[in-house]
Amino acid sequence: MKTLTLLALLLATLSSAGFAAEPAGRQACQADVRQHCAGERPGGGRVLGCLRQHEGELSAPCRAALPTLERCAQEVKRVCGGSGRREARQCLRDRADQLSPECRGQP
């Protein structure tokens, strides 16, 4: 459950931090989230859980992005621990070099 929470946090925060994996995942899943999970409040793993519940109905790009988003959530958990949303944003900015290239922005 904590992994899903972190992944939702990842989905919610990385776009402002400039990370590569999230924008790709966000773009790939944006329409799917609107279509299948519009009523889900971000955080607590709710959006990712919703996407997983609807996995068979998702677009191919979104289904393909889910494993990367999950790997990145695991990295965020390893690097930033159980930080709250605000703290996680700062942690991601401060420790981006500790994330794999697929989970951080590349120039």
PDB file of N, CA and C in Angstrom:
ATOM      1  N   MET A   1       0.823  -1.193   0.000  1.00  0.00           N
ATOM      2  CA  MET A   1       0.000   0.000   0.000  1.00  0.00           C
ATOM      3  C   MET A   1       0.862   1.250   0.000  1.00  0.00           C
ATOM      4  N   LYS A   2       1.978   1.207   0.749  1.00  0.00           N
ATOM      5  CA  LYS A   2       2.867   2.354   0.800  1.00  0.00           C
ATOM      6  C   LYS A   2       3.451   2.633  -0.586  1.00  0.00           C
ATOM      7  N   THR A   3       3.714   1.569  -1.367  1.00  0.00           N
ATOM      8  CA  THR A   3       4.216   1.734  -2.718  1.00  0.00           C
ATOM      9  C   THR A   3       3.205   2.487  -3.564  1.00  0.00           C
ATOM     10  N   LEU A   4       1.939   2.134  -3.457  1.00  0.00           N
ATOM     11  CA  LEU A   4       0.917   2.829  -4.222  1.00  0.00           C
ATOM     12  C   LEU A   4       0.803   4.273  -3.790  1.00  0.00           C
ATOM     13  N   THR A   5       0.950   4.543  -2.515  1.00  0.00           N
ATOM     14  CA  THR A   5       0.924   5.912  -2.019  1.00  0.00           C
ATOM     15  C   THR A   5       2.063   6.700  -2.632  1.00  0.00           C
ATOM     16  N   LEU A   6       3.250   6.110  -2.630  1.00  0.00           N
ATOM     17  CA  LEU A   6       4.397   6.806  -3.194  1.00  0.00           C
ATOM     18  C   LEU A   6       4.252   6.999  -4.692  1.00  0.00           C
ATOM     19  N   LEU A   7       3.668   6.036  -5.381  1.00  0.00           N
ATOM     20  CA  LEU A   7       3.486   6.195  -6.806  1.00  0.00           C
ATOM     21  C   LEU A   7       2.501   7.310  -7.109  1.00  0.00           C
ATOM     22  N   ALA A   8       1.437   7.399  -6.355  1.00  0.00           N
ATOM     23  CA  ALA A   8       0.503   8.505  -6.549  1.00  0.00           C
ATOM     24  C   ALA A   8       1.205   9.828  -6.271  1.00  0.00           C
ATOM     25  N   LEU A   9       2.032   9.853  -5.245  1.00  0.00           N
ATOM     26  CA  LEU A   9       2.812  11.046  -4.944  1.00  0.00           C
ATOM     27  C   LEU A   9       3.753  11.343  -6.098  1.00  0.00           C
ATOM     28  N   LEU A  10       4.369  10.308  -6.618  1.00  0.00           N
ATOM     29  CA  LEU A  10       5.249  10.474  -7.759  1.00  0.00           C
ATOM     30  C   LEU A  10       4.492  11.074  -8.933  1.00  0.00           C
ATOM     31  N   LEU A  11       3.335  10.536  -9.225  1.00  0.00           N
ATOM     32  CA  LEU A  11       2.523  11.064 -10.316  1.00  0.00           C
ATOM     33  C   LEU A  11       2.116  12.506 -10.068  1.00  0.00           C
ATOM     34  N   ALA A  12       1.855  12.837  -8.821  1.00  0.00           N
ATOM     35  CA  ALA A  12       1.377  14.171  -8.489  1.00  0.00           C
ATOM     36  C   ALA A  12       2.479  15.208  -8.426  1.00  0.00           C
ATOM     37  N   THR A  13       3.722  14.798  -8.124  1.00  0.00           N
ATOM     38  CA  THR A  13       4.752  15.790  -7.854  1.00  0.00           C
ATOM     39  C   THR A  13       5.854  15.891  -8.884  1.00  0.00           C
ATOM     40  N   LEU A  14       6.150  14.853  -9.605  1.00  0.00           N
ATOM     41  CA  LEU A  14       7.329  14.896 -10.452  1.00  0.00           C
ATOM     42  C   LEU A  14       7.241  15.873 -11.600  1.00  0.00           C
ATOM     43  N   SER A  15       6.066  16.185 -12.065  1.00  0.00           N
ATOM     44  CA  SER A  15       5.980  17.115 -13.185  1.00  0.00           C
ATOM     45  C   SER A  15       6.575  18.463 -12.818  1.00  0.00           C
ATOM     46  N   SER A  16       6.402  18.893 -11.594  1.00  0.00           N
ATOM     47  CA  SER A  16       6.980  20.168 -11.192  1.00  0.00           C
ATOM     48  C   SER A  16       8.466  20.043 -10.906  1.00  0.00           C
ATOM     49  N   ALA A  17       8.948  18.841 -10.677  1.00  0.00           N
ATOM     50  CA  ALA A  17      10.361  18.648 -10.383  1.00  0.00           C
ATOM     51  C   ALA A  17      11.171  18.382 -11.645  1.00  0.00           C
ATOM     52  N   GLY A  18      10.513  18.198 -12.787  1.00  0.00           N
ATOM     53  CA  GLY A  18      11.219  18.044 -14.047  1.00  0.00           C
ATOM     54  C   GLY A  18      11.797  16.661 -14.288  1.00  0.00           C
ATOM     55  N   PHE A  19      11.145  15.626 -13.878  1.00  0.00           N
ATOM     56  CA  PHE A  19      11.659  14.283 -14.056  1.00  0.00           C
ATOM     57  C   PHE A  19      11.108  13.669 -15.326  1.00  0.00           C
ATOM     58  N   ALA A  20      11.922  12.815 -15.949  1.00  0.00           N
ATOM     59  CA  ALA A  20      11.587  12.256 -17.258  1.00  0.00           C
ATOM     60  C   ALA A  20      10.505  11.197 -17.211  1.00  0.00           C
ATOM     61  N   ALA A  21      10.572  10.278 -16.298  1.00  0.00           N
ATOM     62  CA  ALA A  21       9.634   9.148 -16.302  1.00  0.00           C
ATOM     63  C   ALA A  21       8.210   9.619 -16.077  1.00  0.00           C
ATOM     64  N   GLU A  22       8.023  10.525 -15.171  1.00  0.00           N
ATOM     65  CA  GLU A  22       6.669  10.949 -14.858  1.00  0.00           C
ATOM     66  C   GLU A  22       6.002  11.662 -16.014  1.00  0.00           C
ATOM     67  N   PRO A  23       6.647  12.652 -16.659  1.00  0.00           N
ATOM     68  CA  PRO A  23       5.943  13.288 -17.762  1.00  0.00           C
ATOM     69  C   PRO A  23       5.545  12.301 -18.844  1.00  0.00           C
ATOM     70  N   ALA A  24       6.433  11.343 -19.153  1.00  0.00           N
ATOM     71  CA  ALA A  24       6.075  10.341 -20.145  1.00  0.00           C
ATOM     72  C   ALA A  24       4.884   9.526 -19.660  1.00  0.00           C
ATOM     73  N   GLY A  25       4.924   9.090 -18.412  1.00  0.00           N
ATOM     74  CA  GLY A  25       3.820   8.329 -17.847  1.00  0.00           C
ATOM     75  C   GLY A  25       2.571   9.165 -17.735  1.00  0.00           C
ATOM     76  N   ARG A  26       2.760  10.394 -17.348  1.00  0.00           N
ATOM     77  CA  ARG A  26       1.607  11.290 -17.213  1.00  0.00           C
ATOM     78  C   ARG A  26       0.954  11.505 -18.566  1.00  0.00           C
ATOM     79  N   GLN A  27       1.761  11.776 -19.582  1.00  0.00           N
ATOM     80  CA  GLN A  27       1.199  11.957 -20.917  1.00  0.00           C
ATOM     81  C   GLN A  27       0.523  10.682 -21.395  1.00  0.00           C
ATOM     82  N   ALA A  28       1.183   9.550 -21.165  1.00  0.00           N
ATOM     83  CA  ALA A  28       0.637   8.277 -21.635  1.00  0.00           C
ATOM     84  C   ALA A  28      -0.676   7.942 -20.947  1.00  0.00           C
ATOM     85  N   CYS A  29      -0.816   8.351 -19.689  1.00  0.00           N
ATOM     86  CA  CYS A  29      -1.990   7.967 -18.902  1.00  0.00           C
ATOM     87  C   CYS A  29      -2.987   9.088 -18.672  1.00  0.00           C
ATOM     88  N   GLN A  30      -2.700  10.272 -19.132  1.00  0.00           N
ATOM     89  CA  GLN A  30      -3.556  11.424 -18.842  1.00  0.00           C
ATOM     90  C   GLN A  30      -5.006  11.191 -19.271  1.00  0.00           C
ATOM     91  N   ALA A  31      -5.211  10.765 -20.489  1.00  0.00           N
ATOM     92  CA  ALA A  31      -6.576  10.536 -20.971  1.00  0.00           C
ATOM     93  C   ALA A  31      -7.231   9.374 -20.221  1.00  0.00           C
ATOM     94  N   ASP A  32      -6.437   8.352 -19.902  1.00  0.00           N
ATOM     95  CA  ASP A  32      -6.969   7.199 -19.179  1.00  0.00           C
ATOM     96  C   ASP A  32      -7.405   7.590 -17.769  1.00  0.00           C
ATOM     97  N   VAL A  33      -6.626   8.435 -17.127  1.00  0.00           N
ATOM     98  CA  VAL A  33      -6.995   8.900 -15.785  1.00  0.00           C
ATOM     99  C   VAL A  33      -8.293   9.690 -15.870  1.00  0.00           C
ATOM    100  N   ARG A  34      -8.406  10.563 -16.847  1.00  0.00           N
ATOM    101  CA  ARG A  34      -9.648  11.339 -17.007  1.00  0.00           C
ATOM    102  C   ARG A  34     -10.833  10.430 -17.279  1.00  0.00           C
ATOM    103  N   GLN A  35     -10.628   9.418 -18.105  1.00  0.00           N
ATOM    104  CA  GLN A  35     -11.739   8.546 -18.489  1.00  0.00           C
ATOM    105  C   GLN A  35     -12.141   7.582 -17.374  1.00  0.00           C
ATOM    106  N   HIS A  36     -11.181   6.991 -16.708  1.00  0.00           N
ATOM    107  CA  HIS A  36     -11.488   5.917 -15.758  1.00  0.00           C
ATOM    108  C   HIS A  36     -11.378   6.316 -14.290  1.00  0.00           C
ATOM    109  N   CYS A  37     -10.637   7.375 -13.998  1.00  0.00           N
ATOM    110  CA  CYS A  37     -10.309   7.672 -12.598  1.00  0.00           C
ATOM    111  C   CYS A  37     -10.551   9.128 -12.225  1.00  0.00           C
ATOM    112  N   ALA A  38     -11.414   9.795 -12.954  1.00  0.00           N
ATOM    113  CA  ALA A  38     -11.645  11.224 -12.721  1.00  0.00           C
ATOM    114  C   ALA A  38     -12.115  11.511 -11.303  1.00  0.00           C
ATOM    115  N   GLY A  39     -12.808  10.590 -10.684  1.00  0.00           N
ATOM    116  CA  GLY A  39     -13.325  10.810  -9.338  1.00  0.00           C
ATOM    117  C   GLY A  39     -12.330  10.516  -8.231  1.00  0.00           C
ATOM    118  N   GLU A  40     -11.159  10.006  -8.596  1.00  0.00           N
ATOM    119  CA  GLU A  40     -10.156   9.651  -7.587  1.00  0.00           C
ATOM    120  C   GLU A  40      -9.351  10.880  -7.182  1.00  0.00           C
ATOM    121  N   ARG A  41      -9.220  11.054  -5.887  1.00  0.00           N
ATOM    122  CA  ARG A  41      -8.391  12.135  -5.369  1.00  0.00           C
ATOM    123  C   ARG A  41      -6.937  11.677  -5.393  1.00  0.00           C
ATOM    124  N   PRO A  42      -6.018  12.486  -5.925  1.00  0.00           N
ATOM    125  CA  PRO A  42      -4.606  12.095  -5.935  1.00  0.00           C
ATOM    126  C   PRO A  42      -4.085  11.869  -4.517  1.00  0.00           C
ATOM    127  N   GLY A  43      -3.151  10.963  -4.408  1.00  0.00           N
ATOM    128  CA  GLY A  43      -2.547  10.655  -3.117  1.00  0.00           C
ATOM    129  C   GLY A  43      -3.042   9.326  -2.592  1.00  0.00           C
ATOM    130  N   GLY A  44      -2.266   8.732  -1.744  1.00  0.00           N
ATOM    131  CA  GLY A  44      -2.657   7.474  -1.129  1.00  0.00           C
ATOM    132  C   GLY A  44      -2.713   6.308  -2.091  1.00  0.00           C
ATOM    133  N   GLY A  45      -2.132   6.453  -3.271  1.00  0.00           N
ATOM    134  CA  GLY A  45      -2.130   5.373  -4.245  1.00  0.00           C
ATOM    135  C   GLY A  45      -3.450   5.186  -4.967  1.00  0.00           C
ATOM    136  N   ARG A  46      -4.378   6.125  -4.768  1.00  0.00           N
ATOM    137  CA  ARG A  46      -5.717   5.959  -5.334  1.00  0.00           C
ATOM    138  C   ARG A  46      -5.723   5.977  -6.860  1.00  0.00           C
ATOM    139  N   VAL A  47      -4.977   6.881  -7.462  1.00  0.00           N
ATOM    140  CA  VAL A  47      -4.999   6.978  -8.925  1.00  0.00           C
ATOM    141  C   VAL A  47      -4.359   5.746  -9.549  1.00  0.00           C
ATOM    142  N   LEU A  48      -3.191   5.351  -9.043  1.00  0.00           N
ATOM    143  CA  LEU A  48      -2.552   4.151  -9.578  1.00  0.00           C
ATOM    144  C   LEU A  48      -3.423   2.929  -9.343  1.00  0.00           C
ATOM    145  N   GLY A  49      -4.012   2.820  -8.175  1.00  0.00           N
ATOM    146  CA  GLY A  49      -4.906   1.702  -7.894  1.00  0.00           C
ATOM    147  C   GLY A  49      -6.067   1.657  -8.867  1.00  0.00           C
ATOM    148  N   CYS A  50      -6.600   2.813  -9.171  1.00  0.00           N
ATOM    149  CA  CYS A  50      -7.698   2.901 -10.143  1.00  0.00           C
ATOM    150  C   CYS A  50      -7.214   2.454 -11.519  1.00  0.00           C
ATOM    151  N   LEU A  51      -6.037   2.927 -11.917  1.00  0.00           N
ATOM    152  CA  LEU A  51      -5.508   2.511 -13.219  1.00  0.00           C
ATOM    153  C   LEU A  51      -5.307   1.000 -13.256  1.00  0.00           C
ATOM    154  N   ARG A  52      -4.810   0.431 -12.174  1.00  0.00           N
ATOM    155  CA  ARG A  52      -4.612  -1.012 -12.115  1.00  0.00           C
ATOM    156  C   ARG A  52      -5.955  -1.749 -12.204  1.00  0.00           C
ATOM    157  N   GLN A  53      -6.990  -1.208 -11.560  1.00  0.00           N
ATOM    158  CA  GLN A  53      -8.316  -1.835 -11.638  1.00  0.00           C
ATOM    159  C   GLN A  53      -8.854  -1.823 -13.060  1.00  0.00           C
ATOM    160  N   HIS A  54      -8.462  -0.825 -13.826  1.00  0.00           N
ATOM    161  CA  HIS A  54      -8.948  -0.678 -15.202  1.00  0.00           C
ATOM    162  C   HIS A  54      -7.885  -1.055 -16.233  1.00  0.00           C
ATOM    163  N   GLU A  55      -6.869  -1.771 -15.810  1.00  0.00           N
ATOM    164  CA  GLU A  55      -5.725  -2.040 -16.682  1.00  0.00           C
ATOM    165  C   GLU A  55      -6.137  -2.601 -18.040  1.00  0.00           C
ATOM    166  N   GLY A  56      -7.093  -3.485 -18.073  1.00  0.00           N
ATOM    167  CA  GLY A  56      -7.542  -4.066 -19.335  1.00  0.00           C
ATOM    168  C   GLY A  56      -8.221  -3.073 -20.260  1.00  0.00           C
ATOM    169  N   GLU A  57      -8.648  -1.951 -19.714  1.00  0.00           N
ATOM    170  CA  GLU A  57      -9.341  -0.932 -20.500  1.00  0.00           C
ATOM    171  C   GLU A  57      -8.433   0.243 -20.877  1.00  0.00           C
ATOM    172  N   LEU A  58      -7.205   0.244 -20.384  1.00  0.00           N
ATOM    173  CA  LEU A  58      -6.306   1.370 -20.611  1.00  0.00           C
ATOM    174  C   LEU A  58      -5.726   1.347 -22.013  1.00  0.00           C
ATOM    175  N   SER A  59      -5.303   2.510 -22.450  1.00  0.00           N
ATOM    176  CA  SER A  59      -4.610   2.599 -23.733  1.00  0.00           C
ATOM    177  C   SER A  59      -3.295   1.834 -23.634  1.00  0.00           C
ATOM    178  N   ALA A  60      -2.805   1.380 -24.759  1.00  0.00           N
ATOM    179  CA  ALA A  60      -1.538   0.642 -24.783  1.00  0.00           C
ATOM    180  C   ALA A  60      -0.380   1.474 -24.215  1.00  0.00           C
ATOM    181  N   PRO A  61      -0.265   2.766 -24.555  1.00  0.00           N
ATOM    182  CA  PRO A  61       0.836   3.547 -23.979  1.00  0.00           C
ATOM    183  C   PRO A  61       0.768   3.647 -22.448  1.00  0.00           C
ATOM    184  N   CYS A  62      -0.417   3.768 -21.905  1.00  0.00           N
ATOM    185  CA  CYS A  62      -0.553   3.859 -20.453  1.00  0.00           C
ATOM    186  C   CYS A  62      -0.199   2.521 -19.806  1.00  0.00           C
ATOM    187  N   ARG A  63      -0.693   1.424 -20.358  1.00  0.00           N
ATOM    188  CA  ARG A  63      -0.332   0.108 -19.826  1.00  0.00           C
ATOM    189  C   ARG A  63       1.182  -0.084 -19.869  1.00  0.00           C
ATOM    190  N   ALA A  64       1.805   0.372 -20.935  1.00  0.00           N
ATOM    191  CA  ALA A  64       3.258   0.234 -21.074  1.00  0.00           C
ATOM    192  C   ALA A  64       4.007   1.115 -20.066  1.00  0.00           C
ATOM    193  N   ALA A  65       3.426   2.248 -19.683  1.00  0.00           N
ATOM    194  CA  ALA A  65       4.088   3.175 -18.755  1.00  0.00           C
ATOM    195  C   ALA A  65       3.981   2.732 -17.297  1.00  0.00           C
ATOM    196  N   LEU A  66       2.987   1.944 -16.944  1.00  0.00           N
ATOM    197  CA  LEU A  66       2.773   1.573 -15.541  1.00  0.00           C
ATOM    198  C   LEU A  66       3.976   0.906 -14.883  1.00  0.00           C
ATOM    199  N   PRO A  67       4.639  -0.053 -15.513  1.00  0.00           N
ATOM    200  CA  PRO A  67       5.798  -0.657 -14.846  1.00  0.00           C
ATOM    201  C   PRO A  67       6.914   0.351 -14.552  1.00  0.00           C
ATOM    202  N   THR A  68       7.150   1.269 -15.469  1.00  0.00           N
ATOM    203  CA  THR A  68       8.169   2.292 -15.235  1.00  0.00           C
ATOM    204  C   THR A  68       7.771   3.184 -14.082  1.00  0.00           C
ATOM    205  N   LEU A  69       6.531   3.575 -14.045  1.00  0.00           N
ATOM    206  CA  LEU A  69       6.059   4.415 -12.944  1.00  0.00           C
ATOM    207  C   LEU A  69       6.190   3.684 -11.608  1.00  0.00           C
ATOM    208  N   GLU A  70       5.909   2.396 -11.608  1.00  0.00           N
ATOM    209  CA  GLU A  70       6.047   1.615 -10.375  1.00  0.00           C
ATOM    210  C   GLU A  70       7.509   1.501  -9.953  1.00  0.00           C
ATOM    211  N   ARG A  71       8.413   1.271 -10.933  1.00  0.00           N
ATOM    212  CA  ARG A  71       9.846   1.215 -10.599  1.00  0.00           C
ATOM    213  C   ARG A  71      10.301   2.548 -10.032  1.00  0.00           C
ATOM    214  N   CYS A  72       9.855   3.627 -10.625  1.00  0.00           N
ATOM    215  CA  CYS A  72      10.246   4.945 -10.136  1.00  0.00           C
ATOM    216  C   CYS A  72       9.690   5.201  -8.737  1.00  0.00           C
ATOM    217  N   ALA A  73       8.509   4.720  -8.467  1.00  0.00           N
ATOM    218  CA  ALA A  73       7.942   4.873  -7.129  1.00  0.00           C
ATOM    219  C   ALA A  73       8.795   4.134  -6.109  1.00  0.00           C
ATOM    220  N   GLN A  74       9.287   2.958  -6.479  1.00  0.00           N
ATOM    221  CA  GLN A  74      10.167   2.206  -5.583  1.00  0.00           C
ATOM    222  C   GLN A  74      11.463   2.973  -5.332  1.00  0.00           C
ATOM    223  N   GLU A  75      11.994   3.598  -6.373  1.00  0.00           N
ATOM    224  CA  GLU A  75      13.204   4.396  -6.207  1.00  0.00           C
ATOM    225  C   GLU A  75      12.950   5.586  -5.294  1.00  0.00           C
ATOM    226  N   VAL A  76      11.825   6.238  -5.493  1.00  0.00           N
ATOM    227  CA  VAL A  76      11.491   7.381  -4.649  1.00  0.00           C
ATOM    228  C   VAL A  76      11.376   6.927  -3.201  1.00  0.00           C
ATOM    229  N   LYS A  77      10.774   5.780  -2.993  1.00  0.00           N
ATOM    230  CA  LYS A  77      10.644   5.248  -1.633  1.00  0.00           C
ATOM    231  C   LYS A  77      12.021   4.991  -1.031  1.00  0.00           C
ATOM    232  N   ARG A  78      12.910   4.422  -1.830  1.00  0.00           N
ATOM    233  CA  ARG A  78      14.259   4.128  -1.354  1.00  0.00           C
ATOM    234  C   ARG A  78      15.022   5.425  -1.049  1.00  0.00           C
ATOM    235  N   VAL A  79      14.906   6.408  -1.899  1.00  0.00           N
ATOM    236  CA  VAL A  79      15.674   7.648  -1.763  1.00  0.00           C
ATOM    237  C   VAL A  79      15.056   8.599  -0.743  1.00  0.00           C
ATOM    238  N   CYS A  80      13.747   8.720  -0.737  1.00  0.00           N
ATOM    239  CA  CYS A  80      13.078   9.728   0.092  1.00  0.00           C
ATOM    240  C   CYS A  80      12.281   9.148   1.248  1.00  0.00           C
ATOM    241  N   GLY A  81      12.210   7.832   1.344  1.00  0.00           N
ATOM    242  CA  GLY A  81      11.481   7.223   2.448  1.00  0.00           C
ATOM    243  C   GLY A  81      10.014   7.572   2.414  1.00  0.00           C
ATOM    244  N   GLY A  82       9.423   7.668   3.571  1.00  0.00           N
ATOM    245  CA  GLY A  82       7.993   7.928   3.687  1.00  0.00           C
ATOM    246  C   GLY A  82       7.670   9.394   3.868  1.00  0.00           C
ATOM    247  N   SER A  83       8.391  10.243   3.187  1.00  0.00           N
ATOM    248  CA  SER A  83       8.161  11.679   3.307  1.00  0.00           C
ATOM    249  C   SER A  83       6.733  12.043   2.943  1.00  0.00           C
ATOM    250  N   GLY A  84       6.245  13.100   3.546  1.00  0.00           N
ATOM    251  CA  GLY A  84       4.948  13.639   3.159  1.00  0.00           C
ATOM    252  C   GLY A  84       5.061  14.294   1.798  1.00  0.00           C
ATOM    253  N   ARG A  85       3.953  14.730   1.257  1.00  0.00           N
ATOM    254  CA  ARG A  85       3.923  15.261  -0.099  1.00  0.00           C
ATOM    255  C   ARG A  85       4.887  16.428  -0.290  1.00  0.00           C
ATOM    256  N   ARG A  86       4.825  17.410   0.570  1.00  0.00           N
ATOM    257  CA  ARG A  86       5.695  18.586   0.438  1.00  0.00           C
ATOM    258  C   ARG A  86       7.160  18.194   0.605  1.00  0.00           C
ATOM    259  N   GLU A  87       7.437  17.363   1.613  1.00  0.00           N
ATOM    260  CA  GLU A  87       8.804  16.928   1.856  1.00  0.00           C
ATOM    261  C   GLU A  87       9.327  16.084   0.696  1.00  0.00           C
ATOM    262  N   ALA A  88       8.469  15.268   0.114  1.00  0.00           N
ATOM    263  CA  ALA A  88       8.882  14.429  -1.008  1.00  0.00           C
ATOM    264  C   ALA A  88       9.259  15.282  -2.211  1.00  0.00           C
ATOM    265  N   ARG A  89       8.520  16.326  -2.460  1.00  0.00           N
ATOM    266  CA  ARG A  89       8.873  17.221  -3.574  1.00  0.00           C
ATOM    267  C   ARG A  89      10.274  17.773  -3.390  1.00  0.00           C
ATOM    268  N   GLN A  90      10.561  18.249  -2.196  1.00  0.00           N
ATOM    269  CA  GLN A  90      11.883  18.806  -1.925  1.00  0.00           C
ATOM    270  C   GLN A  90      12.944  17.719  -1.991  1.00  0.00           C
ATOM    271  N   CYS A  91      12.642  16.559  -1.441  1.00  0.00           N
ATOM    272  CA  CYS A  91      13.579  15.440  -1.482  1.00  0.00           C
ATOM    273  C   CYS A  91      13.911  15.079  -2.928  1.00  0.00           C
ATOM    274  N   LEU A  92      12.912  15.023  -3.781  1.00  0.00           N
ATOM    275  CA  LEU A  92      13.141  14.679  -5.182  1.00  0.00           C
ATOM    276  C   LEU A  92      14.019  15.711  -5.867  1.00  0.00           C
ATOM    277  N   ARG A  93      13.825  16.971  -5.531  1.00  0.00           N
ATOM    278  CA  ARG A  93      14.680  18.020  -6.093  1.00  0.00           C
ATOM    279  C   ARG A  93      16.110  17.869  -5.590  1.00  0.00           C
ATOM    280  N   ASP A  94      16.259  17.625  -4.295  1.00  0.00           N
ATOM    281  CA  ASP A  94      17.581  17.566  -3.670  1.00  0.00           C
ATOM    282  C   ASP A  94      18.352  16.308  -4.024  1.00  0.00           C
ATOM    283  N   ARG A  95      17.654  15.215  -4.289  1.00  0.00           N
ATOM    284  CA  ARG A  95      18.324  13.921  -4.476  1.00  0.00           C
ATOM    285  C   ARG A  95      18.082  13.307  -5.847  1.00  0.00           C
ATOM    286  N   ALA A  96      17.798  14.131  -6.822  1.00  0.00           N
ATOM    287  CA  ALA A  96      17.532  13.616  -8.169  1.00  0.00           C
ATOM    288  C   ALA A  96      18.682  12.769  -8.697  1.00  0.00           C
ATOM    289  N   ASP A  97      19.906  13.108  -8.313  1.00  0.00           N
ATOM    290  CA  ASP A  97      21.066  12.357  -8.787  1.00  0.00           C
ATOM    291  C   ASP A  97      21.100  10.929  -8.257  1.00  0.00           C
ATOM    292  N   GLN A  98      20.292  10.622  -7.263  1.00  0.00           N
ATOM    293  CA  GLN A  98      20.243   9.271  -6.702  1.00  0.00           C
ATOM    294  C   GLN A  98      19.198   8.390  -7.395  1.00  0.00           C
ATOM    295  N   LEU A  99      18.455   8.975  -8.329  1.00  0.00           N
ATOM    296  CA  LEU A  99      17.455   8.223  -9.080  1.00  0.00           C
ATOM    297  C   LEU A  99      18.047   7.775 -10.411  1.00  0.00           C
ATOM    298  N   SER A 100      17.533   6.693 -10.951  1.00  0.00           N
ATOM    299  CA  SER A 100      18.004   6.210 -12.250  1.00  0.00           C
ATOM    300  C   SER A 100      17.647   7.227 -13.328  1.00  0.00           C
ATOM    301  N   PRO A 101      18.364   7.180 -14.457  1.00  0.00           N
ATOM    302  CA  PRO A 101      18.070   8.116 -15.540  1.00  0.00           C
ATOM    303  C   PRO A 101      16.616   8.080 -16.010  1.00  0.00           C
ATOM    304  N   GLU A 102      16.001   6.884 -15.991  1.00  0.00           N
ATOM    305  CA  GLU A 102      14.608   6.813 -16.437  1.00  0.00           C
ATOM    306  C   GLU A 102      13.658   7.506 -15.469  1.00  0.00           C
ATOM    307  N   CYS A 103      14.094   7.743 -14.252  1.00  0.00           N
ATOM    308  CA  CYS A 103      13.224   8.345 -13.238  1.00  0.00           C
ATOM    309  C   CYS A 103      13.585   9.790 -12.926  1.00  0.00           C
ATOM    310  N   ARG A 104      14.543  10.334 -13.643  1.00  0.00           N
ATOM    311  CA  ARG A 104      14.875  11.755 -13.445  1.00  0.00           C
ATOM    312  C   ARG A 104      15.033  12.425 -14.791  1.00  0.00           C
ATOM    313  N   GLY A 105      14.913  13.707 -14.801  1.00  0.00           N
ATOM    314  CA  GLY A 105      15.021  14.474 -16.036  1.00  0.00           C
ATOM    315  C   GLY A 105      16.429  14.418 -16.595  1.00  0.00           C
ATOM    316  N   GLN A 106      16.519  14.396 -17.860  1.00  0.00           N
ATOM    317  CA  GLN A 106      17.808  14.422 -18.552  1.00  0.00           C
ATOM    318  C   GLN A 106      17.863  15.672 -19.407  1.00  0.00           C
ATOM    319  N   PRO A 107      19.011  16.342 -19.407  1.00  0.00           N
ATOM    320  CA  PRO A 107      19.134  17.547 -20.240  1.00  0.00           C
ATOM    321  C   PRO A 107      18.993  17.223 -21.702  1.00  0.00           C
TER     322      PRO A 107
END
